[in-house]
C-alpha atoms as a PDB file:
ATOM      1  CA  MET A   1     -26.118  23.223  -5.279  1.00  0.00           C
ATOM      2  CA  THR A   2     -25.690  23.552  -9.023  1.00  0.00           C
ATOM      3  CA  SER A   3     -28.916  25.561  -9.299  1.00  0.00           C
ATOM      4  CA  THR A   4     -27.815  27.837  -6.446  1.00  0.00           C
ATOM      5  CA  PHE A   5     -24.473  28.409  -8.156  1.00  0.00           C
ATOM      6  CA  ILE A   6     -26.241  29.278 -11.426  1.00  0.00           C
ATOM      7  CA  LEU A   7     -28.498  31.747  -9.560  1.00  0.00           C
ATOM      8  CA  PHE A   8     -25.388  33.304  -8.000  1.00  0.00           C
ATOM      9  CA  ILE A   9     -23.803  33.773 -11.441  1.00  0.00           C
ATOM     10  CA  VAL A  10     -27.021  35.302 -12.835  1.00  0.00           C
ATOM     11  CA  ALA A  11     -27.486  37.659  -9.867  1.00  0.00           C
ATOM     12  CA  GLY A  12     -23.834  38.701  -9.989  1.00  0.00           C
ATOM     13  CA  SER A  13     -24.109  39.451 -13.721  1.00  0.00           C
ATOM     14  CA  ILE A  14     -27.244  41.555 -13.277  1.00  0.00           C
ATOM     15  CA  ILE A  15     -25.835  43.536 -10.344  1.00  0.00           C
ATOM     16  CA  GLY A  16     -22.521  43.966 -12.128  1.00  0.00           C
ATOM     17  CA  SER A  17     -24.321  45.385 -15.161  1.00  0.00           C
ATOM     18  CA  ILE A  18     -25.688  48.236 -13.030  1.00  0.00           C
ATOM     19  CA  ASN A  19     -22.851  50.578 -13.939  1.00  0.00           C
ATOM     20  CA  LEU A  20     -23.399  53.990 -12.368  1.00  0.00           C
ATOM     21  CA  GLU A  21     -20.536  55.420 -14.399  1.00  0.00           C
ATOM     22  CA  SER A  22     -22.718  55.021 -17.502  1.00  0.00           C
ATOM     23  CA  LEU A  23     -25.110  57.639 -16.116  1.00  0.00           C
ATOM     24  CA  THR A  24     -24.021  60.650 -18.138  1.00  0.00           C
ATOM     25  CA  ILE A  25     -25.220  63.201 -15.647  1.00  0.00           C
ATOM     26  CA  GLY A  26     -22.217  65.412 -16.281  1.00  0.00           C
ATOM     27  CA  GLY A  27     -20.561  67.376 -13.507  1.00  0.00           C
ATOM     28  CA  ASP A  28     -21.172  67.363  -9.769  1.00  0.00           C
ATOM     29  CA  TYR A  29     -23.702  70.180  -9.407  1.00  0.00           C
ATOM     30  CA  SER A  30     -26.258  71.931 -11.577  1.00  0.00           C
ATOM     31  CA  ILE A  31     -27.574  75.457 -11.192  1.00  0.00           C
ATOM     32  CA  GLN A  32     -30.717  75.875 -13.248  1.00  0.00           C
ATOM     33  CA  ILE A  33     -33.602  78.236 -13.760  1.00  0.00           C
ATOM     34  CA  SER A  34     -36.739  76.847 -12.145  1.00  0.00           C
ATOM     35  CA  ASP A  35     -39.536  75.582 -14.392  1.00  0.00           C
ATOM     36  CA  THR A  36     -41.919  78.394 -13.443  1.00  0.00           C
ATOM     37  CA  VAL A  37     -39.461  80.995 -14.732  1.00  0.00           C
ATOM     38  CA  SER A  38     -38.150  79.100 -17.771  1.00  0.00           C
ATOM     39  CA  ARG A  39     -41.684  78.456 -19.021  1.00  0.00           C
ATOM     40  CA  GLY A  40     -42.804  82.035 -18.470  1.00  0.00           C
ATOM     41  CA  ARG A  41     -43.435  84.498 -21.259  1.00  0.00           C
ATOM     42  CA  GLU A  42     -40.883  86.982 -19.909  1.00  0.00           C
ATOM     43  CA  ARG A  43     -37.405  85.799 -20.798  1.00  0.00           C
ATOM     44  CA  ILE A  44     -35.579  86.843 -17.644  1.00  0.00           C
ATOM     45  CA  ASP A  45     -31.832  86.315 -17.942  1.00  0.00           C
ATOM     46  CA  LEU A  46     -30.893  85.093 -14.458  1.00  0.00           C
ATOM     47  CA  LEU A  47     -27.714  83.153 -15.264  1.00  0.00           C
ATOM     48  CA  ASP A  48     -26.058  86.036 -17.107  1.00  0.00           C
ATOM     49  CA  ALA A  49     -22.423  87.110 -17.518  1.00  0.00           C
ATOM     50  CA  ASP A  50     -22.358  88.665 -14.039  1.00  0.00           C
ATOM     51  CA  PHE A  51     -23.451  85.361 -12.496  1.00  0.00           C
ATOM     52  CA  LEU A  52     -20.752  83.481 -14.448  1.00  0.00           C
ATOM     53  CA  ASN A  53     -18.107  85.958 -13.282  1.00  0.00           C
ATOM     54  CA  GLU A  54     -19.192  85.309  -9.708  1.00  0.00           C
ATOM     55  CA  LEU A  55     -18.643  81.565 -10.227  1.00  0.00           C
ATOM     56  CA  ASN A  56     -15.097  82.269 -11.429  1.00  0.00           C
ATOM     57  CA  ASN A  57     -14.214  83.456  -7.926  1.00  0.00           C
ATOM     58  CA  TYR A  58     -14.645  79.991  -6.371  1.00  0.00           C
ATOM     59  CA  GLU A  59     -11.500  77.879  -6.161  1.00  0.00           C
ATOM     60  CA  GLY A  60     -13.569  74.724  -5.560  1.00  0.00           C
ATOM     61  CA  ILE A  61     -14.937  74.890  -9.130  1.00  0.00           C
ATOM     62  CA  GLU A  62     -12.766  72.995 -11.601  1.00  0.00           C
ATOM     63  CA  SER A  63     -14.918  73.828 -14.650  1.00  0.00           C
ATOM     64  CA  TYR A  64     -18.460  74.693 -15.629  1.00  0.00           C
ATOM     65  CA  HIS A  65     -20.513  74.410 -18.811  1.00  0.00           C
ATOM     66  CA  THR A  66     -23.603  76.235 -19.969  1.00  0.00           C
ATOM     67  CA  ILE A  67     -26.746  74.654 -21.402  1.00  0.00           C
ATOM     68  CA  MET A  68     -29.554  76.380 -23.304  1.00  0.00           C
ATOM     69  CA  TYR A  69     -32.803  74.824 -24.481  1.00  0.00           C
ATOM     70  CA  ASP A  70     -36.001  75.710 -26.283  1.00  0.00           C
ATOM     71  CA  ARG A  71     -39.146  73.945 -27.480  1.00  0.00           C
ATOM     72  CA  ILE A  72     -39.966  73.211 -31.125  1.00  0.00           C
ATOM     73  CA  TRP A  73     -42.809  71.343 -32.863  1.00  0.00           C
ATOM     74  CA  ARG A  74     -42.565  68.659 -35.518  1.00  0.00           C
ATOM     75  CA  VAL A  75     -44.176  69.303 -38.882  1.00  0.00           C
ATOM     76  CA  GLU A  76     -47.014  66.750 -38.989  1.00  0.00           C
ATOM     77  CA  GLN A  77     -45.828  64.933 -42.128  1.00  0.00           C
ATOM     78  CA  SER A  78     -42.248  64.802 -40.836  1.00  0.00           C
ATOM     79  CA  ALA A  79     -43.418  63.389 -37.513  1.00  0.00           C
ATOM     80  CA  GLU A  80     -45.582  60.785 -39.239  1.00  0.00           C
ATOM     81  CA  ASN A  81     -42.606  59.601 -41.307  1.00  0.00           C
ATOM     82  CA  HIS A  82     -40.392  58.956 -38.296  1.00  0.00           C
ATOM     83  CA  ILE A  83     -42.594  58.283 -35.277  1.00  0.00           C
ATOM     84  CA  GLU A  84     -44.930  55.472 -34.334  1.00  0.00           C
ATOM     85  CA  LEU A  85     -47.281  56.966 -31.766  1.00  0.00           C
ATOM     86  CA  PRO A  86     -47.583  54.939 -28.540  1.00  0.00           C
ATOM     87  CA  GLU A  87     -51.061  53.912 -27.445  1.00  0.00           C
ATOM     88  CA  GLU A  88     -50.910  56.178 -24.395  1.00  0.00           C
ATOM     89  CA  TYR A  89     -50.369  59.169 -26.693  1.00  0.00           C
ATOM     90  CA  MET A  90     -53.459  58.262 -28.686  1.00  0.00           C
ATOM     91  CA  GLU A  91     -55.485  57.819 -25.496  1.00  0.00           C
ATOM     92  CA  LEU A  92     -54.440  61.329 -24.420  1.00  0.00           C
ATOM     93  CA  GLY A  93     -55.434  62.725 -27.804  1.00  0.00           C
ATOM     94  CA  ILE A  94     -51.863  63.524 -28.870  1.00  0.00           C
ATOM     95  CA  GLY A  95     -51.578  63.369 -32.654  1.00  0.00           C
ATOM     96  CA  TYR A  96     -48.692  63.804 -35.073  1.00  0.00           C
ATOM     97  CA  GLY A  97     -49.353  67.530 -35.218  1.00  0.00           C
ATOM     98  CA  ASP A  98     -48.815  67.804 -31.440  1.00  0.00           C
ATOM     99  CA  ILE A  99     -45.385  66.179 -31.261  1.00  0.00           C
ATOM    100  CA  ASP A 100     -42.776  68.530 -29.822  1.00  0.00           C
ATOM    101  CA  SER A 101     -39.079  68.223 -29.102  1.00  0.00           C
ATOM    102  CA  ILE A 102     -36.507  70.132 -27.084  1.00  0.00           C
ATOM    103  CA  LEU A 103     -33.352  71.583 -28.612  1.00  0.00           C
ATOM    104  CA  TYR A 104     -30.598  71.302 -25.992  1.00  0.00           C
ATOM    105  CA  GLY A 105     -27.797  73.722 -26.841  1.00  0.00           C
ATOM    106  CA  HIS A 106     -24.411  72.729 -25.371  1.00  0.00           C
ATOM    107  CA  ASP A 107     -21.114  74.579 -25.475  1.00  0.00           C
ATOM    108  CA  SER A 108     -18.259  73.096 -27.529  1.00  0.00           C
ATOM    109  CA  GLU A 109     -16.418  71.311 -24.716  1.00  0.00           C
ATOM    110  CA  PHE A 110     -19.531  69.926 -23.051  1.00  0.00           C
ATOM    111  CA  LEU A 111     -20.865  68.744 -26.398  1.00  0.00           C
ATOM    112  CA  GLU A 112     -17.826  66.523 -26.931  1.00  0.00           C
ATOM    113  CA  GLY A 113     -18.844  64.471 -23.898  1.00  0.00           C
ATOM    114  CA  VAL A 114     -21.681  63.084 -26.017  1.00  0.00           C
ATOM    115  CA  GLU A 115     -19.333  61.385 -28.488  1.00  0.00           C
ATOM    116  CA  LYS A 116     -18.702  58.164 -26.532  1.00  0.00           C
ATOM    117  CA  TYR A 117     -22.447  57.515 -26.223  1.00  0.00           C
ATOM    118  CA  ILE A 118     -23.123  57.663 -29.979  1.00  0.00           C
ATOM    119  CA  THR A 119     -24.958  54.495 -31.094  1.00  0.00           C
ATOM    120  CA  ALA A 120     -25.310  55.348 -34.815  1.00  0.00           C
ATOM    121  CA  GLY A 121     -23.719  57.863 -37.130  1.00  0.00           C
ATOM    122  CA  THR A 122     -20.587  59.895 -36.445  1.00  0.00           C
ATOM    123  CA  PHE A 123     -19.722  62.801 -34.164  1.00  0.00           C
ATOM    124  CA  ASP A 124     -18.399  65.873 -35.965  1.00  0.00           C
ATOM    125  CA  SER A 125     -17.982  68.922 -33.733  1.00  0.00           C
ATOM    126  CA  LYS A 126     -17.300  71.280 -36.650  1.00  0.00           C
ATOM    127  CA  LEU A 127     -20.524  70.343 -38.449  1.00  0.00           C
ATOM    128  CA  LEU A 128     -22.496  70.747 -35.237  1.00  0.00           C
ATOM    129  CA  GLU A 129     -20.895  74.113 -34.536  1.00  0.00           C
ATOM    130  CA  THR A 130     -21.262  75.628 -37.982  1.00  0.00           C
ATOM    131  CA  GLY A 131     -24.095  73.740 -39.726  1.00  0.00           C
ATOM    132  CA  GLU A 132     -27.714  72.843 -39.164  1.00  0.00           C
ATOM    133  CA  TYR A 133     -27.053  69.394 -37.753  1.00  0.00           C
ATOM    134  CA  ILE A 134     -28.445  67.715 -34.658  1.00  0.00           C
ATOM    135  CA  ILE A 135     -27.871  64.615 -32.530  1.00  0.00           C
ATOM    136  CA  ALA A 136     -31.135  62.817 -31.772  1.00  0.00           C
ATOM    137  CA  VAL A 137     -31.657  61.228 -28.360  1.00  0.00           C
ATOM    138  CA  ASP A 138     -33.053  57.709 -28.680  1.00  0.00           C
ATOM    139  CA  ASP A 139     -36.338  57.791 -26.746  1.00  0.00           C
ATOM    140  CA  GLY A 140     -37.666  54.512 -28.155  1.00  0.00           C
ATOM    141  CA  ILE A 141     -40.596  55.897 -30.173  1.00  0.00           C
ATOM    142  CA  PHE A 142     -38.941  57.170 -33.337  1.00  0.00           C
ATOM    143  CA  ASN A 143     -37.201  55.404 -36.223  1.00  0.00           C
ATOM    144  CA  LEU A 144     -34.595  57.976 -37.153  1.00  0.00           C
ATOM    145  CA  SER A 145     -31.346  57.247 -38.958  1.00  0.00           C
ATOM    146  CA  PRO A 146     -28.270  59.406 -39.564  1.00  0.00           C
ATOM    147  CA  GLY A 147     -28.822  61.526 -42.658  1.00  0.00           C
ATOM    148  CA  ASP A 148     -32.578  61.972 -42.158  1.00  0.00           C
ATOM    149  CA  VAL A 149     -33.897  65.502 -42.578  1.00  0.00           C
ATOM    150  CA  LEU A 150     -36.402  66.696 -39.968  1.00  0.00           C
ATOM    151  CA  TYR A 151     -38.792  69.611 -40.347  1.00  0.00           C
ATOM    152  CA  PHE A 152     -39.864  71.740 -37.396  1.00  0.00           C
ATOM    153  CA  ASN A 153     -41.892  74.800 -36.508  1.00  0.00           C
ATOM    154  CA  LYS A 154     -40.857  77.389 -33.935  1.00  0.00           C
ATOM    155  CA  SER A 155     -43.236  79.051 -31.483  1.00  0.00           C
ATOM    156  CA  ASP A 156     -43.588  82.030 -33.847  1.00  0.00           C
ATOM    157  CA  GLY A 157     -44.829  79.743 -36.637  1.00  0.00           C
ATOM    158  CA  SER A 158     -41.711  79.885 -38.811  1.00  0.00           C
ATOM    159  CA  GLY A 159     -40.225  76.621 -40.020  1.00  0.00           C
ATOM    160  CA  PHE A 160     -36.743  75.191 -40.428  1.00  0.00           C
ATOM    161  CA  ALA A 161     -35.034  71.894 -41.273  1.00  0.00           C
ATOM    162  CA  VAL A 162     -32.108  70.070 -39.692  1.00  0.00           C
ATOM    163  CA  SER A 163     -30.161  66.942 -40.604  1.00  0.00           C
ATOM    164  CA  VAL A 164     -29.595  64.062 -38.184  1.00  0.00           C
ATOM    165  CA  LEU A 165     -25.858  63.614 -37.729  1.00  0.00           C
ATOM    166  CA  ALA A 166     -25.983  60.823 -35.149  1.00  0.00           C
ATOM    167  CA  ILE A 167     -28.156  58.963 -32.629  1.00  0.00           C
ATOM    168  CA  VAL A 168     -27.194  58.956 -28.967  1.00  0.00           C
ATOM    169  CA  SER A 169     -28.197  56.772 -26.015  1.00  0.00           C
ATOM    170  CA  ASN A 170     -31.155  57.994 -23.945  1.00  0.00           C
ATOM    171  CA  ASN A 171     -29.094  58.398 -20.754  1.00  0.00           C
ATOM    172  CA  ILE A 172     -27.431  61.502 -22.217  1.00  0.00           C
ATOM    173  CA  THR A 173     -30.545  63.648 -21.670  1.00  0.00           C
ATOM    174  CA  TYR A 174     -30.291  66.467 -19.136  1.00  0.00           C
ATOM    175  CA  TRP A 175     -33.259  67.621 -17.094  1.00  0.00           C
ATOM    176  CA  GLY A 176     -35.235  70.483 -18.555  1.00  0.00           C
ATOM    177  CA  TYR A 177     -38.500  70.794 -20.413  1.00  0.00           C
ATOM    178  CA  LYS A 178     -40.645  67.737 -21.015  1.00  0.00           C
ATOM    179  CA  ALA A 179     -41.459  66.866 -24.615  1.00  0.00           C
ATOM    180  CA  SER A 180     -43.654  64.290 -26.335  1.00  0.00           C
ATOM    181  CA  GLY A 181     -41.034  63.645 -29.018  1.00  0.00           C
ATOM    182  CA  CYS A 182     -37.332  62.911 -28.890  1.00  0.00           C
ATOM    183  CA  ASP A 183     -34.912  65.485 -27.507  1.00  0.00           C
ATOM    184  CA  LEU A 184     -32.265  66.932 -29.799  1.00  0.00           C
ATOM    185  CA  ILE A 185     -28.729  67.954 -28.873  1.00  0.00           C
ATOM    186  CA  VAL A 186     -27.167  70.829 -30.813  1.00  0.00           C
ATOM    187  CA  HIS A 187     -24.428  73.387 -30.500  1.00  0.00           C
ATOM    188  CA  GLN A 188     -25.469  76.675 -28.927  1.00  0.00           C
ATOM    189  CA  ASN A 189     -24.592  78.441 -32.184  1.00  0.00           C
ATOM    190  CA  LEU A 190     -27.542  76.744 -33.896  1.00  0.00           C
ATOM    191  CA  LEU A 191     -29.987  78.134 -31.331  1.00  0.00           C
ATOM    192  CA  GLU A 192     -28.618  81.598 -31.978  1.00  0.00           C
ATOM    193  CA  HIS A 193     -28.722  81.061 -35.759  1.00  0.00           C
ATOM    194  CA  LEU A 194     -32.371  79.997 -35.562  1.00  0.00           C
ATOM    195  CA  GLY A 195     -33.273  82.988 -33.404  1.00  0.00           C
ATOM    196  CA  MET A 196     -34.355  80.819 -30.488  1.00  0.00           C
ATOM    197  CA  ASP A 197     -34.015  81.261 -26.734  1.00  0.00           C
ATOM    198  CA  THR A 198     -30.296  81.687 -26.019  1.00  0.00           C
ATOM    199  CA  ARG A 199     -30.530  82.329 -22.300  1.00  0.00           C
ATOM    200  CA  ILE A 200     -28.311  80.143 -20.183  1.00  0.00           C
ATOM    201  CA  GLN A 201     -30.841  77.962 -18.393  1.00  0.00           C
ATOM    202  CA  ARG A 202     -28.482  75.522 -16.717  1.00  0.00           C
ATOM    203  CA  ILE A 203     -24.873  75.582 -15.568  1.00  0.00           C
ATOM    204  CA  VAL A 204     -23.226  72.201 -14.976  1.00  0.00           C
ATOM    205  CA  ILE A 205     -20.394  72.490 -12.459  1.00  0.00           C
ATOM    206  CA  SER A 206     -17.529  70.078 -11.909  1.00  0.00           C
ATOM    207  CA  ALA A 207     -15.910  70.324  -8.477  1.00  0.00           C
ATOM    208  CA  GLY A 208     -12.147  70.225  -8.209  1.00  0.00           C
ATOM    209  CA  SER A 209     -10.116  68.399  -5.588  1.00  0.00           C
ATOM    210  CA  GLN A 210     -10.924  71.194  -3.119  1.00  0.00           C
ATOM    211  CA  GLY A 211     -14.626  71.097  -3.919  1.00  0.00           C
ATOM    212  CA  GLY A 212     -17.176  68.542  -2.788  1.00  0.00           C
ATOM    213  CA  GLN A 213     -19.695  69.241  -0.041  1.00  0.00           C
ATOM    214  CA  ASP A 214     -17.929  72.504   0.887  1.00  0.00           C
ATOM    215  CA  LEU A 215     -18.634  73.801  -2.613  1.00  0.00           C
ATOM    216  CA  LYS A 216     -22.289  72.831  -2.212  1.00  0.00           C
ATOM    217  CA  THR A 217     -22.515  74.969   0.912  1.00  0.00           C
ATOM    218  CA  GLU A 218     -20.898  77.908  -0.887  1.00  0.00           C
ATOM    219  CA  LEU A 219     -23.276  77.613  -3.839  1.00  0.00           C
ATOM    220  CA  GLN A 220     -26.252  77.485  -1.500  1.00  0.00           C
ATOM    221  CA  GLU A 221     -25.028  80.693   0.126  1.00  0.00           C
ATOM    222  CA  VAL A 222     -24.719  82.343  -3.300  1.00  0.00           C
ATOM    223  CA  LEU A 223     -28.290  81.440  -4.193  1.00  0.00           C
ATOM    224  CA  GLY A 224     -29.515  82.454  -0.734  1.00  0.00           C
ATOM    225  CA  GLY A 225     -32.709  80.392  -0.871  1.00  0.00           C
ATOM    226  CA  ARG A 226     -33.863  81.899  -4.173  1.00  0.00           C
ATOM    227  CA  GLU A 227     -36.934  80.244  -5.683  1.00  0.00           C
ATOM    228  CA  ASP A 228     -36.175  81.247  -9.281  1.00  0.00           C
ATOM    229  CA  ILE A 229     -32.865  79.332  -9.369  1.00  0.00           C
ATOM    230  CA  THR A 230     -32.466  75.719  -8.248  1.00  0.00           C
ATOM    231  CA  LEU A 231     -29.329  73.908  -7.108  1.00  0.00           C
ATOM    232  CA  VAL A 232     -29.165  70.182  -7.910  1.00  0.00           C
ATOM    233  CA  SER A 233     -26.413  68.016  -6.405  1.00  0.00           C
ATOM    234  CA  TYR A 234     -25.478  65.195  -8.752  1.00  0.00           C
ATOM    235  CA  MET A 235     -22.999  64.010  -6.120  1.00  0.00           C
ATOM    236  CA  ASP A 236     -25.905  63.393  -3.730  1.00  0.00           C
ATOM    237  CA  LEU A 237     -27.846  61.684  -6.513  1.00  0.00           C
ATOM    238  CA  LYS A 238     -24.927  59.365  -7.304  1.00  0.00           C
ATOM    239  CA  MET A 239     -24.529  58.546  -3.600  1.00  0.00           C
ATOM    240  CA  GLU A 240     -28.251  57.767  -3.379  1.00  0.00           C
ATOM    241  CA  LEU A 241     -28.067  55.498  -6.435  1.00  0.00           C
ATOM    242  CA  GLU A 242     -24.960  53.807  -5.003  1.00  0.00           C
ATOM    243  CA  GLU A 243     -26.828  53.141  -1.751  1.00  0.00           C
ATOM    244  CA  GLN A 244     -29.749  51.669  -3.691  1.00  0.00           C
ATOM    245  CA  LYS A 245     -27.358  49.436  -5.643  1.00  0.00           C
ATOM    246  CA  ASN A 246     -25.707  48.274  -2.415  1.00  0.00           C
ATOM    247  CA  MET A 247     -29.130  47.532  -0.932  1.00  0.00           C
ATOM    248  CA  ILE A 248     -30.083  45.452  -3.984  1.00  0.00           C
ATOM    249  CA  SER A 249     -26.759  43.603  -3.719  1.00  0.00           C
ATOM    250  CA  ALA A 250     -27.214  42.928  -0.005  1.00  0.00           C
ATOM    251  CA  ILE A 251     -30.755  41.605  -0.467  1.00  0.00           C
ATOM    252  CA  SER A 252     -29.812  39.459  -3.483  1.00  0.00           C
ATOM    253  CA  TYR A 253     -26.667  37.942  -1.994  1.00  0.00           C
ATOM    254  CA  GLY A 254     -28.360  37.558   1.389  1.00  0.00           C
ATOM    255  CA  PHE A 255     -31.141  35.551  -0.213  1.00  0.00           C
ATOM    256  CA  LEU A 256     -28.592  33.408  -2.077  1.00  0.00           C
ATOM    257  CA  LEU A 257     -26.626  32.836   1.147  1.00  0.00           C
ATOM    258  CA  ILE A 258     -29.776  31.633   2.921  1.00  0.00           C
ATOM    259  CA  LEU A 259     -30.589  29.433  -0.062  1.00  0.00           C
ATOM    260  CA  PHE A 260     -27.038  28.024  -0.030  1.00  0.00           C
ATOM    261  CA  LEU A 261     -27.223  27.244   3.712  1.00  0.00           C
ATOM    262  CA  ILE A 262     -30.550  25.480   3.174  1.00  0.00           C
ATOM    263  CA  VAL A 263     -28.943  23.419   0.398  1.00  0.00           C
ATOM    264  CA  VAL A 264     -25.943  22.538   2.600  1.00  0.00           C
ATOM    265  CA  PHE A 265     -28.134  21.503   5.532  1.00  0.00           C
ATOM    266  CA  HIS A 266     -30.309  19.502   3.162  1.00  0.00           C
ATOM    267  CA  LEU A 267     -27.214  17.753   1.793  1.00  0.00           C
ATOM    268  CA  ILE A 268     -25.975  16.944   5.320  1.00  0.00           C
ATOM    269  CA  ASN A 269     -29.427  15.739   6.342  1.00  0.00           C
ATOM    270  CA  THR A 270     -29.700  13.529   3.260  1.00  0.00           C
ATOM    271  CA  THR A 271     -26.255  12.044   3.866  1.00  0.00           C
ATOM    272  CA  PHE A 272     -26.956  11.187   7.518  1.00  0.00           C
ATOM    273  CA  THR A 273     -30.385   9.802   6.602  1.00  0.00           C
ATOM    274  CA  ASN A 274     -28.789   7.538   4.025  1.00  0.00           C
ATOM    275  CA  VAL A 275     -26.176   6.378   6.553  1.00  0.00           C
ATOM    276  CA  LEU A 276     -28.762   5.649   9.244  1.00  0.00           C
ATOM    277  CA  SER A 277     -31.062   3.870   6.811  1.00  0.00           C
ATOM    278  CA  ARG A 278     -28.190   1.555   5.859  1.00  0.00           C
ATOM    279  CA  LYS A 279     -27.067   0.875   9.412  1.00  0.00           C
ATOM    280  CA  LYS A 280     -28.345  -2.713   9.192  1.00  0.00           C
ATOM    281  CA  GLU A 281     -26.425  -3.316   5.969  1.00  0.00           C
ATOM    282  CA  LEU A 282     -23.309  -1.813   7.525  1.00  0.00           C
ATOM    283  CA  GLY A 283     -23.724  -4.121  10.554  1.00  0.00           C
ATOM    284  CA  ILE A 284     -23.923  -7.162   8.283  1.00  0.00           C
ATOM    285  CA  LEU A 285     -20.779  -6.095   6.448  1.00  0.00           C
ATOM    286  CA  GLU A 286     -19.009  -5.669   9.807  1.00  0.00           C
ATOM    287  CA  ALA A 287     -20.252  -9.110  10.916  1.00  0.00           C
ATOM    288  CA  ILE A 288     -18.665 -10.845   7.929  1.00  0.00           C
ATOM    289  CA  GLY A 289     -15.243  -9.436   8.720  1.00  0.00           C
ATOM    290  CA  LEU A 290     -15.015  -5.794   7.515  1.00  0.00           C
ATOM    291  CA  THR A 291     -13.649  -3.287   9.999  1.00  0.00           C
ATOM    292  CA  LEU A 292     -15.700  -0.304  11.150  1.00  0.00           C
ATOM    293  CA  ARG A 293     -13.500   1.967   9.039  1.00  0.00           C
END
């Protein structure tokens, strides 16, 4: 029974640590340019000012934030100073000169949501907005520290340097390009300053009290089945994760309940066995004058 109780405490601690609120998905829905378009050579501006004005007409939208991103490559010496290549990279022939990262450009308000997930360094919105500073996403393969200077090359071959202002937990990353190196979060002004891709490639939407599934239907009607723009429902994703968590809880606690019942029946069986095995001794005690009670 003690062991079962300990297992219950352990299982409860593990399940309780699965905190879905720590998933920094941001918003309830995401409208984003599909990979085939965003990776293309022609920089088609699909989520332009006209599209944003159209979103302003929906009462179900409480707020929305824009995200831009572009790919950059680490200067080989800079990558070698801060990254320990995993074995799988070496097996695929990826060297220090092939390490790339993604610059995620957030607007001012959306960028501030990163602050509570900072694990090292400090968050300074003014430095991020006006200077060449970045927040590095901890992907587990680099050894960066606040204050480090990183050197990169753009797709046109020109180089630039940025300073690491802070390190942020890996669950802050938003879906976009895939990179072999760590992702970097910056203010959108830095992308513009560096002459990089400043198209809006994702719009994160937060639904108001009148939003929800009705807003999803309206957004689907706006997109009209377009293949160049994708609608992602974070509400559906959270519900799916919640269902998975509930399933894990049901299986875990169900197993512990069965184990507890087995222990109880075993205890009852042991007690009755002990009583029956001592029936002769109890009879002797009764014979010498003790009552049945």
